[in-house]
Protein backbone atom coordinates (compact mmCIF):
# COMPACT_ATOMS: atom_id res chain seq x y z
CA MET A 1 104.25 164.35 -6.49
CA LYS A 2 101.53 163.65 -3.89
CA VAL A 3 98.05 162.56 -4.98
CA VAL A 4 94.65 162.58 -3.26
CA LEU A 5 92.58 159.63 -4.51
CA GLY A 6 88.82 160.05 -4.79
CA ALA A 7 89.22 163.61 -3.56
CA GLY A 8 85.65 164.85 -3.93
CA ASN A 9 85.89 168.51 -2.88
CA THR A 10 89.14 167.98 -0.96
CA SER A 11 92.21 169.93 -2.02
CA TYR A 12 95.46 170.51 -0.16
CA ASP A 13 98.46 172.64 -1.10
CA GLY A 14 101.12 170.47 -2.70
CA TRP A 15 98.69 167.63 -3.47
CA ILE A 16 97.03 166.75 -6.80
CA SER A 17 93.32 165.96 -6.30
CA THR A 18 91.86 163.19 -8.47
CA GLN A 19 88.39 161.77 -9.04
CA GLU A 20 87.35 158.24 -10.04
CA THR A 21 86.56 159.48 -13.55
CA GLU A 22 90.23 160.35 -14.17
CA LEU A 23 91.95 157.77 -11.96
CA ASN A 24 89.93 154.62 -11.44
CA LEU A 25 91.85 152.59 -8.84
CA LEU A 26 90.79 149.36 -10.55
CA LYS A 27 92.22 150.28 -13.97
CA PRO A 28 95.99 149.98 -14.42
CA ALA A 29 95.67 151.93 -17.68
CA ASP A 30 94.56 155.00 -15.71
CA PHE A 31 97.65 154.73 -13.49
CA GLU A 32 99.87 154.24 -16.53
CA ARG A 33 98.40 157.28 -18.26
CA MET A 34 98.87 159.52 -15.20
CA PHE A 35 102.12 158.17 -13.76
CA SER A 36 104.18 156.70 -16.62
CA LYS A 37 106.71 159.55 -16.41
CA GLU A 38 106.80 160.12 -12.66
CA LYS A 39 105.57 157.93 -9.84
CA PRO A 40 103.95 159.68 -6.87
CA LYS A 41 105.71 159.63 -3.53
CA ALA A 42 102.39 159.64 -1.66
CA PHE A 43 98.75 158.71 -2.08
CA LEU A 44 96.01 159.89 0.28
CA ALA A 45 92.65 158.07 0.35
CA GLU A 46 90.11 159.24 2.92
CA HIS A 47 86.98 157.11 2.95
CA VAL A 48 87.52 155.56 -0.49
CA TRP A 49 88.18 151.84 0.11
CA GLU A 50 84.72 151.16 1.60
CA HIS A 51 83.18 152.08 -1.77
CA MET A 52 84.78 148.98 -3.33
CA THR A 53 84.18 145.29 -2.68
CA LEU A 54 86.86 143.47 -0.72
CA GLU A 55 88.24 141.95 -3.94
CA GLU A 56 88.32 145.38 -5.58
CA GLY A 57 90.09 146.75 -2.49
CA TYR A 58 92.84 144.16 -2.88
CA LEU A 59 93.20 145.03 -6.58
CA ALA A 60 93.27 148.78 -5.89
CA ALA A 61 95.99 148.31 -3.25
CA LYS A 62 98.08 146.30 -5.74
CA ASN A 63 97.66 148.96 -8.42
CA CYS A 64 98.67 151.71 -5.99
CA PHE A 65 101.71 149.68 -4.90
CA SER A 66 102.79 149.21 -8.54
CA TYR A 67 102.63 152.92 -9.36
CA LEU A 68 103.91 154.38 -6.08
CA ALA A 69 107.56 155.43 -5.96
CA ASP A 70 109.90 153.15 -4.03
CA GLY A 71 109.98 154.33 -0.42
CA GLY A 72 106.64 156.12 -0.90
CA TYR A 73 103.54 155.74 1.23
CA MET A 74 99.78 155.76 1.26
CA ARG A 75 97.68 157.22 4.05
CA VAL A 76 94.30 155.48 4.07
CA ALA A 77 91.22 156.08 6.22
CA VAL A 78 87.94 154.12 6.29
CA PRO A 79 84.99 153.82 8.67
CA ASP A 80 85.71 151.56 11.65
CA LYS A 81 83.59 148.44 12.16
CA ASN A 82 84.73 148.24 15.80
CA PHE A 83 83.63 151.74 16.88
CA ARG A 84 80.89 151.26 19.48
CA ASN A 85 78.36 153.89 18.45
CA GLU A 86 74.95 152.88 17.08
CA TRP A 87 74.36 156.13 15.14
CA TYR A 88 77.80 155.85 13.50
CA GLN A 89 77.37 152.16 12.58
CA ASN A 90 73.94 152.83 11.08
CA MET A 91 75.42 155.63 9.00
CA VAL A 92 78.51 153.74 7.69
CA LYS A 93 77.01 150.27 7.16
CA VAL A 94 76.81 148.74 3.69
CA GLY A 95 74.19 150.81 1.87
CA GLY A 96 74.40 153.53 4.53
CA ASN A 97 71.13 154.72 5.99
CA GLY A 98 69.27 154.00 2.74
CA ASP A 99 69.34 157.59 1.46
CA VAL A 100 70.57 157.47 -2.15
CA ASN A 101 71.92 161.03 -1.78
CA HIS A 102 74.11 160.10 1.20
CA PRO A 103 77.75 159.15 0.41
CA ALA A 104 77.47 155.94 2.46
CA PHE A 105 74.75 154.65 0.12
CA THR A 106 77.53 153.19 -2.05
CA HIS A 107 79.44 151.53 0.83
CA LYS A 108 80.21 147.92 -0.06
CA ILE A 109 82.19 146.88 3.03
CA VAL A 110 82.96 148.06 6.54
CA TYR A 111 86.50 147.20 7.66
CA ASP A 112 88.06 146.40 10.97
CA TYR A 113 91.74 147.22 11.45
CA ARG A 114 92.92 143.66 10.82
CA LEU A 115 91.18 143.28 7.45
CA LEU A 116 92.21 146.72 6.21
CA SER A 117 95.82 146.03 7.22
CA GLN A 118 95.71 142.68 5.38
CA VAL A 119 94.55 144.35 2.16
CA PHE A 120 97.69 146.50 2.08
CA LEU A 121 100.08 143.87 3.47
CA SER A 122 99.02 141.50 0.69
CA ALA A 123 99.97 144.12 -1.92
CA GLY A 124 103.53 144.34 -0.50
CA PHE A 125 103.18 147.34 1.80
CA GLU A 126 104.45 147.66 5.36
CA VAL A 127 101.56 148.86 7.51
CA GLU A 128 101.47 151.17 10.52
CA LEU A 129 98.14 151.77 12.24
CA LEU A 130 97.59 155.37 13.37
CA GLU A 131 93.98 155.40 14.63
CA TRP A 132 91.66 152.43 15.16
CA CYS A 133 89.31 150.65 17.52
CA ASP A 134 90.18 147.17 18.72
CA GLU A 135 87.73 144.26 19.08
CA MET A 136 86.64 145.55 22.50
CA GLY A 137 85.80 148.95 21.00
CA ARG A 138 88.78 150.69 22.64
CA PHE A 139 90.13 153.56 20.55
CA HIS A 140 93.89 153.62 19.84
CA TYR A 141 95.87 156.60 18.60
CA LYS A 142 99.45 157.21 17.47
CA TYR A 143 100.50 160.73 16.64
CA TRP A 144 100.67 161.40 12.90
CA ASN A 145 101.74 164.49 10.96
CA GLU A 146 98.94 166.13 8.98
CA ALA A 147 101.51 167.40 6.45
CA ASP A 148 101.89 163.77 5.36
CA GLY A 149 98.17 163.65 4.52
CA LYS A 150 95.38 165.24 6.50
CA ILE A 151 92.41 163.06 7.42
CA GLY A 152 89.39 165.17 8.28
CA ARG A 153 87.44 162.31 9.83
CA SER A 154 89.99 161.77 12.59
CA LEU A 155 90.41 162.30 16.32
CA ARG A 156 92.09 165.70 15.91
CA PHE A 157 90.22 167.18 12.97
CA ASP A 158 86.59 166.05 13.13
CA THR A 159 84.44 168.55 15.02
CA ARG A 160 82.16 165.73 16.21
CA ASN A 161 84.98 164.75 18.60
CA GLU A 162 84.91 167.21 21.47
CA ASN A 163 85.03 167.42 25.25
CA GLY A 164 86.73 164.04 25.43
CA LYS A 165 83.88 162.28 23.60
CA LEU A 166 84.33 160.48 20.28
CA GLY A 167 81.61 161.08 17.70
CA MET A 168 83.48 160.24 14.48
CA VAL A 169 86.45 157.95 14.05
CA SER A 170 88.22 156.23 11.19
CA ILE A 171 90.71 153.46 10.86
CA ILE A 172 93.76 155.36 9.67
CA LEU A 173 96.90 153.62 8.51
CA ASP A 174 100.08 154.39 6.65
CA ALA A 175 101.04 151.79 4.05
CA LYS A 176 104.70 152.17 3.14
CA LYS A 177 106.33 150.79 0.00
CA PRO A 178 109.79 149.51 0.88
CA ALA A 179 112.67 151.27 -0.84
CA GLN A 180 114.55 149.20 -3.39
CA ILE A 181 118.30 149.47 -2.96
CA MET A 182 120.28 148.35 -5.98
CA TYR A 183 124.01 147.62 -5.82
């Protein structure tokens, strides 16, 4: 089982799309209700974590770790605090551009790659960064397979990135839950 968290209108073949109303990442009871019989092997969360406070982000990562199958993974993407683009930063900042109808209006944090990694490391995950900007604003990319969780707001799939110019980036990471081997 593979699950898209906070899916909005996103749906992919082979993935179960969920909304906050049915799976609130802060409520272990929601995880228990959905995954008591079978733990997912993958979670996908594109631009979800920035809608929680930092403390809530830590709690959500711990809940996901608890209910993810051993050896499973999460692919997570959030806006990147280190991307050097004034339009982008104005759009993704806490509270967004002030338009209550814009999704960024409910942003509570903007992550850099170190802080986002720490959120998942603290929950017990092993973290691999796939796309991110460093402190100097340089963009880094490691190839990743879209079949493992497609991120639309990424180097390859966002149409605002064209002709060698970046217009939309995300911090994208894979958080892997170590397999438990019992003898």
